[in-house]
Amino acid sequence: MAKVDIKSLGYQELQAYVAGLGEKPFRAKQLYQWMHEKLAESYDEMSNLSKTFRAALEEDTIFTVLKPVQILTSALDGTQKYLFELEDGNVIESVLMKYKHGNSVCISSQVGCRMGCRFCASTIGGLTRNLTCAEMLEQVYRIQRLSGERVSNLVVMGTGEPLDNYDNLVKFIRMLSDEHGLNISQRNITVSTCGLMPNIRRLAGEDLQITLALSLHASNQEKRKGLMPVANKYALADVLDACRDYFNKTGRRLTFEYSLVGGVNDTEEDARELSGLVQDLNCHINLIPVNPVKEREYVQPERSVVQAFKNKLEKNGINVTIRREMGRDIDGACGQLRRRYMKEKV
C-alpha cells in the first residue's frame, strides 16, 4: 500500500487520517502543529506524541524534509539563495529576500519548466515533474528554520509555472495561510504565471485573496510570441480578459511583470503600446531589467533606457516601479544555481 504524504494533508484531512489510526482527535492538532507551526524535521522531535503513535506514523507515511545542498549569501544585499535536494535526488531553488517591511521567500513550484520562455534559465532542459504540496511548503519551512527569520511574504515565482501545477498550488496556498500553521496572510502571497488563461479563470473562482502577477514581457501578441511560446496557444487579448475577470471577482489589483530586454522590448514605441494595453486595468507594472543568462543572448538595457521606459509609462498614468535587483552575485536569476549545480554533478 502506498505511503501517505502526511505533510500534504490539510487540517481536516489530517484529522480524518489520525482518527483512522484510532487516535484521539486532539492528537491531530498536536501533529499538525509540529509539522506546520513548529516546523519539526522528524517525528523524533514530537515529544508529546506517544512512541507507539510515532512508530505507526514512521511506518505509514512519507515525512517530507528538504535537504539543503548549498546556501549562498549575497555580499551586495544579504539575499540568500538555497539549493534543496528532494527525496528522489532532484534539486530545486528558493530565495530569501530581506526588506524593511519584512522577509520575503520566493519558491519553486516544479522541477524544471516546460514553458520555454526565451530569456529564462529555469526552462532550459524542460520539465522533470511537479512539486508536491509538501515540497512547496517545505521550502518556506526550511528557510524559516535555517535562517531563524520569520517569513511574512511569499512569492511563487521561482522555477516552474505555478498554474501548470494547479491543484498542488491551491492546496499549498490554503495550508500556508491556515490559522493552524504559519498563518501567512493571503494578501502577502503572490503567484506568477506566464499566462495559462483557463487556470487564471479557475483561480478567480477559488475565493482566495492572493495577488496575481502576469509575466507580460511584451506590448503586443507578435512580440510576445517571439519571447514566450505560451503566447502561441493563448492570445494576449484573451489572457488580459482572464486577468480582468480575476480582478472583478477578487478585487485584487493585478501585477504585470515586464522583463526589459535590450533592443527587443524596451523602445519608446513599446512603452506607448504597453500603456494602451493596460490603460483600463487596475494594475501595477513591475519593470525587470533582464538578468543575463549564459545560455541566452539577451542583454540588459542601459540604465537610462530603463528609466526612460518607466517615465513614459508614468506620463501615461500607469503605476510602475523598477524592481530592485537582488542576489545578482549569487546566480540570482531563476534556474541559474540549479543549472550550474547539475552541470558540475555530471
C-alpha atoms as a PDB file:
ATOM      1  CA  MET A   1       0.000   0.000   0.000  1.00  0.00           C
ATOM      2  CA  ALA A   2       1.273   3.489  -0.910  1.00  0.00           C
ATOM      3  CA  LYS A   3       2.522   5.610   1.971  1.00  0.00           C
ATOM      4  CA  VAL A   4       0.604   8.732   2.960  1.00  0.00           C
ATOM      5  CA  ASP A   5       2.240  12.076   2.081  1.00  0.00           C
ATOM      6  CA  ILE A   6       1.394  13.395   5.526  1.00  0.00           C
ATOM      7  CA  LYS A   7       2.684  16.954   5.163  1.00  0.00           C
ATOM      8  CA  SER A   8       0.418  17.453   2.136  1.00  0.00           C
ATOM      9  CA  LEU A   9      -2.707  16.691   4.180  1.00  0.00           C
ATOM     10  CA  GLY A  10      -4.834  19.707   5.080  1.00  0.00           C
ATOM     11  CA  TYR A  11      -6.006  20.127   8.681  1.00  0.00           C
ATOM     12  CA  GLN A  12      -9.324  18.329   8.218  1.00  0.00           C
ATOM     13  CA  GLU A  13      -7.711  15.586   6.118  1.00  0.00           C
ATOM     14  CA  LEU A  14      -5.155  15.029   8.886  1.00  0.00           C
ATOM     15  CA  GLN A  15      -7.947  14.811  11.477  1.00  0.00           C
ATOM     16  CA  ALA A  16      -9.613  12.054   9.432  1.00  0.00           C
ATOM     17  CA  TYR A  17      -6.311  10.233   8.940  1.00  0.00           C
ATOM     18  CA  VAL A  18      -5.428  10.320  12.666  1.00  0.00           C
ATOM     19  CA  ALA A  19      -8.944   9.138  13.593  1.00  0.00           C
ATOM     20  CA  GLY A  20      -8.438   6.233  11.179  1.00  0.00           C
ATOM     21  CA  LEU A  21      -5.392   5.198  13.203  1.00  0.00           C
ATOM     22  CA  GLY A  22      -7.578   5.044  16.317  1.00  0.00           C
ATOM     23  CA  GLU A  23      -6.009   8.096  17.968  1.00  0.00           C
ATOM     24  CA  LYS A  24      -7.904  10.782  19.885  1.00  0.00           C
ATOM     25  CA  PRO A  25      -8.875  13.953  17.928  1.00  0.00           C
ATOM     26  CA  PHE A  26      -6.507  16.263  19.835  1.00  0.00           C
ATOM     27  CA  ARG A  27      -3.543  14.237  18.514  1.00  0.00           C
ATOM     28  CA  ALA A  28      -4.237  15.568  15.019  1.00  0.00           C
ATOM     29  CA  LYS A  29      -3.947  19.143  16.266  1.00  0.00           C
ATOM     30  CA  GLN A  30      -0.658  18.353  18.008  1.00  0.00           C
ATOM     31  CA  LEU A  31       0.729  16.611  14.927  1.00  0.00           C
ATOM     32  CA  TYR A  32      -0.329  19.416  12.587  1.00  0.00           C
ATOM     33  CA  GLN A  33       1.249  21.963  14.925  1.00  0.00           C
ATOM     34  CA  TRP A  34       4.558  20.083  14.974  1.00  0.00           C
ATOM     35  CA  MET A  35       4.681  19.925  11.177  1.00  0.00           C
ATOM     36  CA  HIS A  36       3.287  23.314  10.151  1.00  0.00           C
ATOM     37  CA  GLU A  37       3.948  25.656  13.070  1.00  0.00           C
ATOM     38  CA  LYS A  38       6.973  24.281  14.930  1.00  0.00           C
ATOM     39  CA  LEU A  39       8.431  23.019  11.611  1.00  0.00           C
ATOM     40  CA  ALA A  40       9.735  19.736  13.036  1.00  0.00           C
ATOM     41  CA  GLU A  41      12.314  17.881  10.962  1.00  0.00           C
ATOM     42  CA  SER A  42      11.376  14.416  12.203  1.00  0.00           C
ATOM     43  CA  TYR A  43       8.855  12.527  14.315  1.00  0.00           C
ATOM     44  CA  ASP A  44      11.558  12.219  16.998  1.00  0.00           C
ATOM     45  CA  GLU A  45      11.086  15.903  17.856  1.00  0.00           C
ATOM     46  CA  MET A  46       7.386  15.404  18.605  1.00  0.00           C
ATOM     47  CA  SER A  47       7.865  14.771  22.311  1.00  0.00           C
ATOM     48  CA  ASN A  48       4.199  14.982  23.346  1.00  0.00           C
ATOM     49  CA  LEU A  49       3.175  12.172  20.963  1.00  0.00           C
ATOM     50  CA  SER A  50       3.456   8.589  22.223  1.00  0.00           C
ATOM     51  CA  LYS A  51       6.257   6.361  20.889  1.00  0.00           C
ATOM     52  CA  THR A  52       3.635   3.940  19.587  1.00  0.00           C
ATOM     53  CA  PHE A  53       1.890   6.689  17.596  1.00  0.00           C
ATOM     54  CA  ARG A  54       5.209   7.980  16.231  1.00  0.00           C
ATOM     55  CA  ALA A  55       6.253   4.456  15.217  1.00  0.00           C
ATOM     56  CA  ALA A  56       2.959   3.996  13.355  1.00  0.00           C
ATOM     57  CA  LEU A  57       3.468   7.300  11.562  1.00  0.00           C
ATOM     58  CA  GLU A  58       7.041   6.364  10.654  1.00  0.00           C
ATOM     59  CA  GLU A  59       5.794   3.125   9.146  1.00  0.00           C
ATOM     60  CA  ASP A  60       2.779   4.527   7.299  1.00  0.00           C
ATOM     61  CA  THR A  61       3.848   7.937   5.964  1.00  0.00           C
ATOM     62  CA  ILE A  62       6.241   9.959   3.852  1.00  0.00           C
ATOM     63  CA  PHE A  63       7.599  12.784   6.007  1.00  0.00           C
ATOM     64  CA  THR A  64       8.991  15.316   3.542  1.00  0.00           C
ATOM     65  CA  VAL A  65      12.016  17.306   4.686  1.00  0.00           C
ATOM     66  CA  LEU A  66      14.176  19.141   2.166  1.00  0.00           C
ATOM     67  CA  LYS A  67      17.933  18.736   2.418  1.00  0.00           C
ATOM     68  CA  PRO A  68      19.969  21.939   1.931  1.00  0.00           C
ATOM     69  CA  VAL A  69      22.743  21.300  -0.596  1.00  0.00           C
ATOM     70  CA  GLN A  70      24.008  24.863  -0.950  1.00  0.00           C
ATOM     71  CA  ILE A  71      23.227  28.165   0.751  1.00  0.00           C
ATOM     72  CA  LEU A  72      24.676  31.274  -0.883  1.00  0.00           C
ATOM     73  CA  THR A  73      24.543  34.728   0.691  1.00  0.00           C
ATOM     74  CA  SER A  74      24.854  37.867  -1.406  1.00  0.00           C
ATOM     75  CA  ALA A  75      27.588  40.277  -0.346  1.00  0.00           C
ATOM     76  CA  LEU A  76      25.576  43.014  -2.065  1.00  0.00           C
ATOM     77  CA  ASP A  77      22.250  42.866  -0.235  1.00  0.00           C
ATOM     78  CA  GLY A  78      22.128  39.838   2.109  1.00  0.00           C
ATOM     79  CA  THR A  79      19.817  37.854  -0.182  1.00  0.00           C
ATOM     80  CA  GLN A  80      20.141  34.124   0.462  1.00  0.00           C
ATOM     81  CA  LYS A  81      19.729  31.508  -2.228  1.00  0.00           C
ATOM     82  CA  TYR A  82      19.007  27.922  -1.205  1.00  0.00           C
ATOM     83  CA  LEU A  83      19.518  24.805  -3.273  1.00  0.00           C
ATOM     84  CA  PHE A  84      17.467  21.949  -1.815  1.00  0.00           C
ATOM     85  CA  GLU A  85      17.663  18.252  -2.652  1.00  0.00           C
ATOM     86  CA  LEU A  86      14.407  16.298  -2.875  1.00  0.00           C
ATOM     87  CA  GLU A  87      13.852  12.675  -1.840  1.00  0.00           C
ATOM     88  CA  ASP A  88      14.300  11.493  -5.453  1.00  0.00           C
ATOM     89  CA  GLY A  89      17.620  13.320  -5.907  1.00  0.00           C
ATOM     90  CA  ASN A  90      16.246  16.256  -7.910  1.00  0.00           C
ATOM     91  CA  VAL A  91      17.231  19.758  -6.789  1.00  0.00           C
ATOM     92  CA  ILE A  92      15.219  22.993  -6.591  1.00  0.00           C
ATOM     93  CA  GLU A  93      15.953  26.629  -5.744  1.00  0.00           C
ATOM     94  CA  SER A  94      14.401  29.012  -3.244  1.00  0.00           C
ATOM     95  CA  VAL A  95      15.357  32.555  -2.234  1.00  0.00           C
ATOM     96  CA  LEU A  96      15.117  34.582   0.990  1.00  0.00           C
ATOM     97  CA  MET A  97      14.999  38.344   0.391  1.00  0.00           C
ATOM     98  CA  LYS A  98      15.177  40.726   3.329  1.00  0.00           C
ATOM     99  CA  TYR A  99      13.291  44.013   3.092  1.00  0.00           C
ATOM    100  CA  LYS A 100      12.476  46.726   5.622  1.00  0.00           C
ATOM    101  CA  HIS A 101       8.813  45.699   5.509  1.00  0.00           C
ATOM    102  CA  GLY A 102       9.607  42.019   6.229  1.00  0.00           C
ATOM    103  CA  ASN A 103      11.187  38.875   4.863  1.00  0.00           C
ATOM    104  CA  SER A 104      10.028  37.510   1.534  1.00  0.00           C
ATOM    105  CA  VAL A 105      10.619  33.993   0.245  1.00  0.00           C
ATOM    106  CA  CYS A 106      10.444  33.036  -3.430  1.00  0.00           C
ATOM    107  CA  ILE A 107       9.743  29.351  -4.008  1.00  0.00           C
ATOM    108  CA  SER A 108       9.741  26.937  -6.944  1.00  0.00           C
ATOM    109  CA  SER A 109       6.608  25.057  -7.974  1.00  0.00           C
ATOM    110  CA  GLN A 110       8.128  22.483 -10.343  1.00  0.00           C
ATOM    111  CA  VAL A 111      11.409  20.711 -11.023  1.00  0.00           C
ATOM    112  CA  GLY A 112      12.276  22.436 -14.293  1.00  0.00           C
ATOM    113  CA  CYS A 113       9.679  24.079 -16.529  1.00  0.00           C
ATOM    114  CA  ARG A 114       8.103  23.361 -19.903  1.00  0.00           C
ATOM    115  CA  MET A 115       7.000  26.888 -20.795  1.00  0.00           C
ATOM    116  CA  GLY A 116      10.158  27.682 -22.806  1.00  0.00           C
ATOM    117  CA  CYS A 117      10.385  31.454 -22.188  1.00  0.00           C
ATOM    118  CA  ARG A 118      13.415  32.572 -24.213  1.00  0.00           C
ATOM    119  CA  PHE A 119      15.207  34.603 -21.547  1.00  0.00           C
ATOM    120  CA  CYS A 120      14.750  32.227 -18.589  1.00  0.00           C
ATOM    121  CA  ALA A 121      17.268  29.671 -17.267  1.00  0.00           C
ATOM    122  CA  SER A 122      14.533  27.681 -15.469  1.00  0.00           C
ATOM    123  CA  THR A 123      13.153  26.241 -18.659  1.00  0.00           C
ATOM    124  CA  ILE A 124      16.447  25.008 -20.141  1.00  0.00           C
ATOM    125  CA  GLY A 125      16.159  21.213 -20.022  1.00  0.00           C
ATOM    126  CA  GLY A 126      12.356  21.244 -19.794  1.00  0.00           C
ATOM    127  CA  LEU A 127      10.047  19.912 -17.084  1.00  0.00           C
ATOM    128  CA  THR A 128      11.017  16.977 -14.853  1.00  0.00           C
ATOM    129  CA  ARG A 129       7.966  16.889 -12.575  1.00  0.00           C
ATOM    130  CA  ASN A 130       5.554  18.867 -10.419  1.00  0.00           C
ATOM    131  CA  LEU A 131       6.364  19.531  -6.778  1.00  0.00           C
ATOM    132  CA  THR A 132       4.020  18.131  -4.160  1.00  0.00           C
ATOM    133  CA  CYS A 133       2.221  20.439  -1.765  1.00  0.00           C
ATOM    134  CA  ALA A 134       4.603  19.284   0.975  1.00  0.00           C
ATOM    135  CA  GLU A 135       7.680  20.102  -1.144  1.00  0.00           C
ATOM    136  CA  MET A 136       6.364  23.609  -1.742  1.00  0.00           C
ATOM    137  CA  LEU A 137       5.598  24.168   1.947  1.00  0.00           C
ATOM    138  CA  GLU A 138       8.968  22.738   2.944  1.00  0.00           C
ATOM    139  CA  GLN A 139      10.847  25.443   1.043  1.00  0.00           C
ATOM    140  CA  VAL A 140       9.268  28.039   3.333  1.00  0.00           C
ATOM    141  CA  TYR A 141       9.647  25.884   6.451  1.00  0.00           C
ATOM    142  CA  ARG A 142      13.330  25.016   5.928  1.00  0.00           C
ATOM    143  CA  ILE A 143      14.271  28.605   5.127  1.00  0.00           C
ATOM    144  CA  GLN A 144      12.491  29.884   8.217  1.00  0.00           C
ATOM    145  CA  ARG A 145      14.151  27.269  10.417  1.00  0.00           C
ATOM    146  CA  LEU A 146      17.630  27.528   8.847  1.00  0.00           C
ATOM    147  CA  SER A 147      17.700  31.329   8.817  1.00  0.00           C
ATOM    148  CA  GLY A 148      15.896  31.902  12.102  1.00  0.00           C
ATOM    149  CA  GLU A 149      13.929  34.598  10.264  1.00  0.00           C
ATOM    150  CA  ARG A 150      10.132  34.901  10.285  1.00  0.00           C
ATOM    151  CA  VAL A 151       8.727  34.783   6.745  1.00  0.00           C
ATOM    152  CA  SER A 152       5.917  37.292   6.194  1.00  0.00           C
ATOM    153  CA  ASN A 153       5.664  37.432   2.378  1.00  0.00           C
ATOM    154  CA  LEU A 154       5.642  34.656  -0.174  1.00  0.00           C
ATOM    155  CA  VAL A 155       6.155  34.714  -3.934  1.00  0.00           C
ATOM    156  CA  VAL A 156       5.617  31.665  -6.155  1.00  0.00           C
ATOM    157  CA  MET A 157       7.917  32.905  -8.891  1.00  0.00           C
ATOM    158  CA  GLY A 158      10.887  30.522  -8.827  1.00  0.00           C
ATOM    159  CA  THR A 159      11.457  27.583 -11.160  1.00  0.00           C
ATOM    160  CA  GLY A 160       8.294  26.294 -12.832  1.00  0.00           C
ATOM    161  CA  GLU A 161       4.900  27.598 -13.934  1.00  0.00           C
ATOM    162  CA  PRO A 162       2.668  27.565 -10.808  1.00  0.00           C
ATOM    163  CA  LEU A 163      -0.612  27.278 -12.740  1.00  0.00           C
ATOM    164  CA  ASP A 164       0.786  24.207 -14.527  1.00  0.00           C
ATOM    165  CA  ASN A 165       0.778  22.555 -11.065  1.00  0.00           C
ATOM    166  CA  TYR A 166      -2.653  23.937 -10.234  1.00  0.00           C
ATOM    167  CA  ASP A 167      -4.117  21.579  -7.612  1.00  0.00           C
ATOM    168  CA  ASN A 168      -0.944  21.419  -5.512  1.00  0.00           C
ATOM    169  CA  LEU A 169      -0.550  25.200  -5.768  1.00  0.00           C
ATOM    170  CA  VAL A 170      -4.055  25.972  -4.475  1.00  0.00           C
ATOM    171  CA  LYS A 171      -3.718  23.485  -1.623  1.00  0.00           C
ATOM    172  CA  PHE A 172      -0.303  24.957  -0.746  1.00  0.00           C
ATOM    173  CA  ILE A 173      -1.800  28.469  -0.526  1.00  0.00           C
ATOM    174  CA  ARG A 174      -4.655  27.301   1.695  1.00  0.00           C
ATOM    175  CA  MET A 175      -2.292  25.431   4.032  1.00  0.00           C
ATOM    176  CA  LEU A 176       0.300  28.222   4.231  1.00  0.00           C
ATOM    177  CA  SER A 177      -2.430  30.683   5.204  1.00  0.00           C
ATOM    178  CA  ASP A 178      -4.207  28.244   7.570  1.00  0.00           C
ATOM    179  CA  GLU A 179      -4.603  29.501  11.131  1.00  0.00           C
ATOM    180  CA  HIS A 180      -3.248  26.180  12.420  1.00  0.00           C
ATOM    181  CA  GLY A 181       0.037  26.636  10.541  1.00  0.00           C
ATOM    182  CA  LEU A 182       2.249  29.630   9.706  1.00  0.00           C
ATOM    183  CA  ASN A 183      -0.909  31.669   9.056  1.00  0.00           C
ATOM    184  CA  ILE A 184       0.717  33.880   6.398  1.00  0.00           C
ATOM    185  CA  SER A 185      -1.886  36.323   5.096  1.00  0.00           C
ATOM    186  CA  GLN A 186      -3.118  35.501   1.599  1.00  0.00           C
ATOM    187  CA  ARG A 187      -2.747  39.203   0.826  1.00  0.00           C
ATOM    188  CA  ASN A 188       1.004  38.695   1.271  1.00  0.00           C
ATOM    189  CA  ILE A 189       1.128  35.844  -1.248  1.00  0.00           C
ATOM    190  CA  THR A 190       1.838  36.463  -4.944  1.00  0.00           C
ATOM    191  CA  VAL A 191       1.535  33.850  -7.689  1.00  0.00           C
ATOM    192  CA  SER A 192       3.232  34.496 -11.016  1.00  0.00           C
ATOM    193  CA  THR A 193       2.047  32.964 -14.288  1.00  0.00           C
ATOM    194  CA  CYS A 194       3.187  33.221 -17.890  1.00  0.00           C
ATOM    195  CA  GLY A 195      -0.468  33.252 -18.889  1.00  0.00           C
ATOM    196  CA  LEU A 196      -2.265  29.886 -18.694  1.00  0.00           C
ATOM    197  CA  MET A 197      -5.594  31.524 -19.434  1.00  0.00           C
ATOM    198  CA  PRO A 198      -8.025  28.717 -18.376  1.00  0.00           C
ATOM    199  CA  ASN A 199      -6.321  28.351 -14.990  1.00  0.00           C
ATOM    200  CA  ILE A 200      -6.318  32.112 -14.388  1.00  0.00           C
ATOM    201  CA  ARG A 201     -10.098  31.890 -14.725  1.00  0.00           C
ATOM    202  CA  ARG A 202     -10.185  28.874 -12.374  1.00  0.00           C
ATOM    203  CA  LEU A 203      -8.071  30.729  -9.825  1.00  0.00           C
ATOM    204  CA  ALA A 204     -10.516  33.644  -9.915  1.00  0.00           C
ATOM    205  CA  GLY A 205     -13.204  31.303  -8.571  1.00  0.00           C
ATOM    206  CA  GLU A 206     -11.164  29.874  -5.659  1.00  0.00           C
ATOM    207  CA  ASP A 207     -12.143  32.615  -3.191  1.00  0.00           C
ATOM    208  CA  LEU A 208      -8.503  33.454  -2.446  1.00  0.00           C
ATOM    209  CA  GLN A 209      -7.090  36.904  -1.663  1.00  0.00           C
ATOM    210  CA  ILE A 210      -3.685  36.448  -3.299  1.00  0.00           C
ATOM    211  CA  THR A 211      -2.027  38.769  -5.817  1.00  0.00           C
ATOM    212  CA  LEU A 212      -1.898  37.509  -9.399  1.00  0.00           C
ATOM    213  CA  ALA A 213       1.228  38.513 -11.330  1.00  0.00           C
ATOM    214  CA  LEU A 214       1.193  38.020 -15.092  1.00  0.00           C
ATOM    215  CA  SER A 215       4.535  37.681 -16.848  1.00  0.00           C
ATOM    216  CA  LEU A 216       3.719  40.027 -19.720  1.00  0.00           C
ATOM    217  CA  HIS A 217       7.144  40.880 -21.195  1.00  0.00           C
ATOM    218  CA  ALA A 218       5.781  42.313 -24.454  1.00  0.00           C
ATOM    219  CA  SER A 219       3.401  45.022 -25.581  1.00  0.00           C
ATOM    220  CA  ASN A 220       1.745  43.052 -28.402  1.00  0.00           C
ATOM    221  CA  GLN A 221       0.884  39.499 -29.396  1.00  0.00           C
ATOM    222  CA  GLU A 222       3.548  39.064 -32.090  1.00  0.00           C
ATOM    223  CA  LYS A 223       6.436  40.244 -29.933  1.00  0.00           C
ATOM    224  CA  ARG A 224       5.162  38.113 -27.048  1.00  0.00           C
ATOM    225  CA  LYS A 225       5.130  35.034 -29.289  1.00  0.00           C
ATOM    226  CA  GLY A 226       8.803  35.645 -30.016  1.00  0.00           C
ATOM    227  CA  LEU A 227       9.685  35.694 -26.312  1.00  0.00           C
ATOM    228  CA  MET A 228       7.137  33.284 -24.824  1.00  0.00           C
ATOM    229  CA  PRO A 229       5.947  30.116 -26.622  1.00  0.00           C
ATOM    230  CA  VAL A 230       2.801  30.035 -24.439  1.00  0.00           C
ATOM    231  CA  ALA A 231       1.566  33.010 -26.493  1.00  0.00           C
ATOM    232  CA  ASN A 232       1.152  30.660 -29.459  1.00  0.00           C
ATOM    233  CA  LYS A 233      -1.600  28.902 -27.516  1.00  0.00           C
ATOM    234  CA  TYR A 234      -3.239  31.803 -25.661  1.00  0.00           C
ATOM    235  CA  ALA A 235      -3.736  35.155 -27.352  1.00  0.00           C
ATOM    236  CA  LEU A 236      -2.711  38.181 -25.288  1.00  0.00           C
ATOM    237  CA  ALA A 237      -6.199  39.696 -25.556  1.00  0.00           C
ATOM    238  CA  ASP A 238      -7.733  36.511 -24.059  1.00  0.00           C
ATOM    239  CA  VAL A 239      -5.152  36.380 -21.254  1.00  0.00           C
ATOM    240  CA  LEU A 240      -5.856  40.020 -20.344  1.00  0.00           C
ATOM    241  CA  ASP A 241      -9.603  39.288 -20.357  1.00  0.00           C
ATOM    242  CA  ALA A 242      -8.957  36.491 -17.844  1.00  0.00           C
ATOM    243  CA  CYS A 243      -6.972  38.975 -15.726  1.00  0.00           C
ATOM    244  CA  ARG A 244      -9.926  41.396 -15.817  1.00  0.00           C
ATOM    245  CA  ASP A 245     -12.135  38.550 -14.650  1.00  0.00           C
ATOM    246  CA  TYR A 246      -9.685  37.850 -11.810  1.00  0.00           C
ATOM    247  CA  PHE A 247      -9.824  41.472 -10.652  1.00  0.00           C
ATOM    248  CA  ASN A 248     -13.625  41.645 -10.947  1.00  0.00           C
ATOM    249  CA  LYS A 249     -14.070  38.520  -8.808  1.00  0.00           C
ATOM    250  CA  THR A 250     -11.383  39.154  -6.191  1.00  0.00           C
ATOM    251  CA  GLY A 251     -10.943  42.936  -6.094  1.00  0.00           C
ATOM    252  CA  ARG A 252      -7.178  42.322  -6.005  1.00  0.00           C
ATOM    253  CA  ARG A 253      -5.025  44.716  -8.023  1.00  0.00           C
ATOM    254  CA  LEU A 254      -3.120  42.962 -10.811  1.00  0.00           C
ATOM    255  CA  THR A 255       0.639  42.969 -11.219  1.00  0.00           C
ATOM    256  CA  PHE A 256       2.285  42.770 -14.632  1.00  0.00           C
ATOM    257  CA  GLU A 257       5.902  41.635 -14.761  1.00  0.00           C
ATOM    258  CA  TYR A 258       7.787  43.124 -17.707  1.00  0.00           C
ATOM    259  CA  SER A 259      11.376  41.951 -18.287  1.00  0.00           C
ATOM    260  CA  LEU A 260      13.197  44.638 -20.220  1.00  0.00           C
ATOM    261  CA  VAL A 261      15.455  43.050 -22.838  1.00  0.00           C
ATOM    262  CA  GLY A 262      17.972  45.354 -24.502  1.00  0.00           C
ATOM    263  CA  GLY A 263      16.963  46.141 -28.100  1.00  0.00           C
ATOM    264  CA  VAL A 264      13.977  43.763 -28.006  1.00  0.00           C
ATOM    265  CA  ASN A 265      11.085  45.239 -25.985  1.00  0.00           C
ATOM    266  CA  ASP A 266      12.487  48.443 -24.462  1.00  0.00           C
ATOM    267  CA  THR A 267      11.707  51.135 -27.054  1.00  0.00           C
ATOM    268  CA  GLU A 268       9.546  54.228 -26.657  1.00  0.00           C
ATOM    269  CA  GLU A 269       7.045  52.598 -29.005  1.00  0.00           C
ATOM    270  CA  ASP A 270       6.907  49.547 -26.693  1.00  0.00           C
ATOM    271  CA  ALA A 271       6.204  51.826 -23.722  1.00  0.00           C
ATOM    272  CA  ARG A 272       3.450  53.644 -25.614  1.00  0.00           C
ATOM    273  CA  GLU A 273       1.849  50.385 -26.768  1.00  0.00           C
ATOM    274  CA  LEU A 274       2.112  48.861 -23.290  1.00  0.00           C
ATOM    275  CA  SER A 275       0.370  51.888 -21.778  1.00  0.00           C
ATOM    276  CA  GLY A 276      -2.561  51.454 -24.142  1.00  0.00           C
ATOM    277  CA  LEU A 277      -2.722  47.725 -23.445  1.00  0.00           C
ATOM    278  CA  VAL A 278      -3.253  48.081 -19.677  1.00  0.00           C
ATOM    279  CA  GLN A 279      -4.874  51.536 -19.518  1.00  0.00           C
ATOM    280  CA  ASP A 280      -8.270  50.227 -18.360  1.00  0.00           C
ATOM    281  CA  LEU A 281      -6.896  47.763 -15.798  1.00  0.00           C
ATOM    282  CA  ASN A 282      -6.354  48.298 -12.077  1.00  0.00           C
ATOM    283  CA  CYS A 283      -2.728  47.242 -12.192  1.00  0.00           C
ATOM    284  CA  HIS A 284       0.880  47.811 -11.261  1.00  0.00           C
ATOM    285  CA  ILE A 285       3.751  47.214 -13.693  1.00  0.00           C
ATOM    286  CA  ASN A 286       6.985  45.796 -12.360  1.00  0.00           C
ATOM    287  CA  LEU A 287       9.875  46.548 -14.741  1.00  0.00           C
ATOM    288  CA  ILE A 288      12.666  43.972 -14.516  1.00  0.00           C
ATOM    289  CA  PRO A 289      15.971  44.618 -16.318  1.00  0.00           C
ATOM    290  CA  VAL A 290      16.588  41.077 -17.593  1.00  0.00           C
ATOM    291  CA  ASN A 291      19.147  39.047 -15.636  1.00  0.00           C
ATOM    292  CA  PRO A 292      21.842  37.878 -18.106  1.00  0.00           C
ATOM    293  CA  VAL A 293      21.864  34.084 -18.565  1.00  0.00           C
ATOM    294  CA  LYS A 294      24.944  32.407 -20.101  1.00  0.00           C
ATOM    295  CA  GLU A 295      22.881  30.159 -22.375  1.00  0.00           C
ATOM    296  CA  ARG A 296      20.865  33.083 -23.767  1.00  0.00           C
ATOM    297  CA  GLU A 297      21.913  36.034 -25.907  1.00  0.00           C
ATOM    298  CA  TYR A 298      19.686  38.614 -24.246  1.00  0.00           C
ATOM    299  CA  VAL A 299      21.244  41.616 -22.517  1.00  0.00           C
ATOM    300  CA  GLN A 300      20.123  44.279 -20.043  1.00  0.00           C
ATOM    301  CA  PRO A 301      19.205  47.698 -21.431  1.00  0.00           C
ATOM    302  CA  GLU A 302      21.234  50.713 -20.334  1.00  0.00           C
ATOM    303  CA  ARG A 303      20.014  52.241 -17.083  1.00  0.00           C
ATOM    304  CA  SER A 304      18.978  55.399 -18.933  1.00  0.00           C
ATOM    305  CA  VAL A 305      16.778  53.311 -21.272  1.00  0.00           C
ATOM    306  CA  VAL A 306      15.089  51.613 -18.302  1.00  0.00           C
ATOM    307  CA  GLN A 307      14.425  54.989 -16.659  1.00  0.00           C
ATOM    308  CA  ALA A 308      13.075  56.474 -19.910  1.00  0.00           C
ATOM    309  CA  PHE A 309      10.714  53.487 -20.286  1.00  0.00           C
ATOM    310  CA  LYS A 310       9.449  53.999 -16.725  1.00  0.00           C
ATOM    311  CA  ASN A 311       8.991  57.744 -17.293  1.00  0.00           C
ATOM    312  CA  LYS A 312       6.957  57.131 -20.441  1.00  0.00           C
ATOM    313  CA  LEU A 313       4.599  54.758 -18.603  1.00  0.00           C
ATOM    314  CA  GLU A 314       4.173  57.206 -15.716  1.00  0.00           C
ATOM    315  CA  LYS A 315       3.353  60.055 -18.121  1.00  0.00           C
ATOM    316  CA  ASN A 316       0.572  57.835 -19.457  1.00  0.00           C
ATOM    317  CA  GLY A 317      -0.840  57.363 -15.939  1.00  0.00           C
ATOM    318  CA  ILE A 318       0.482  53.843 -15.337  1.00  0.00           C
ATOM    319  CA  ASN A 319       1.556  52.770 -11.834  1.00  0.00           C
ATOM    320  CA  VAL A 320       5.093  51.424 -12.289  1.00  0.00           C
ATOM    321  CA  THR A 321       8.273  50.555 -10.408  1.00  0.00           C
ATOM    322  CA  ILE A 322      11.674  49.194 -11.394  1.00  0.00           C
ATOM    323  CA  ARG A 323      12.349  46.026  -9.469  1.00  0.00           C
ATOM    324  CA  ARG A 324      15.403  46.237  -7.274  1.00  0.00           C
ATOM    325  CA  GLU A 325      17.928  43.607  -8.319  1.00  0.00           C
ATOM    326  CA  MET A 326      18.553  41.047  -5.603  1.00  0.00           C
ATOM    327  CA  GLY A 327      21.357  38.496  -5.370  1.00  0.00           C
ATOM    328  CA  ARG A 328      22.973  39.118  -8.721  1.00  0.00           C
ATOM    329  CA  ASP A 329      26.371  38.000  -7.386  1.00  0.00           C
ATOM    330  CA  ILE A 330      24.939  34.589  -6.341  1.00  0.00           C
ATOM    331  CA  ASP A 331      23.213  33.460  -9.559  1.00  0.00           C
ATOM    332  CA  GLY A 332      20.107  35.462  -8.699  1.00  0.00           C
ATOM    333  CA  ALA A 333      18.077  34.663 -11.819  1.00  0.00           C
ATOM    334  CA  CYS A 334      15.604  31.765 -11.597  1.00  0.00           C
ATOM    335  CA  GLY A 335      17.208  28.446 -12.516  1.00  0.00           C
ATOM    336  CA  GLN A 336      20.840  29.586 -12.691  1.00  0.00           C
ATOM    337  CA  LEU A 337      22.091  27.987  -9.474  1.00  0.00           C
ATOM    338  CA  ARG A 338      20.281  24.706 -10.134  1.00  0.00           C
ATOM    339  CA  ARG A 339      21.659  24.544 -13.678  1.00  0.00           C
ATOM    340  CA  ARG A 340      25.239  25.208 -12.562  1.00  0.00           C
ATOM    341  CA  TYR A 341      24.969  22.550  -9.827  1.00  0.00           C
ATOM    342  CA  MET A 342      23.627  19.956 -12.280  1.00  0.00           C
ATOM    343  CA  LYS A 343      26.444  20.671 -14.752  1.00  0.00           C
ATOM    344  CA  GLU A 344      29.085  20.222 -12.039  1.00  0.00           C
ATOM    345  CA  LYS A 345      27.442  16.988 -10.906  1.00  0.00           C
ATOM    346  CA  VAL A 346      27.649  15.365 -14.364  1.00  0.00           C
END
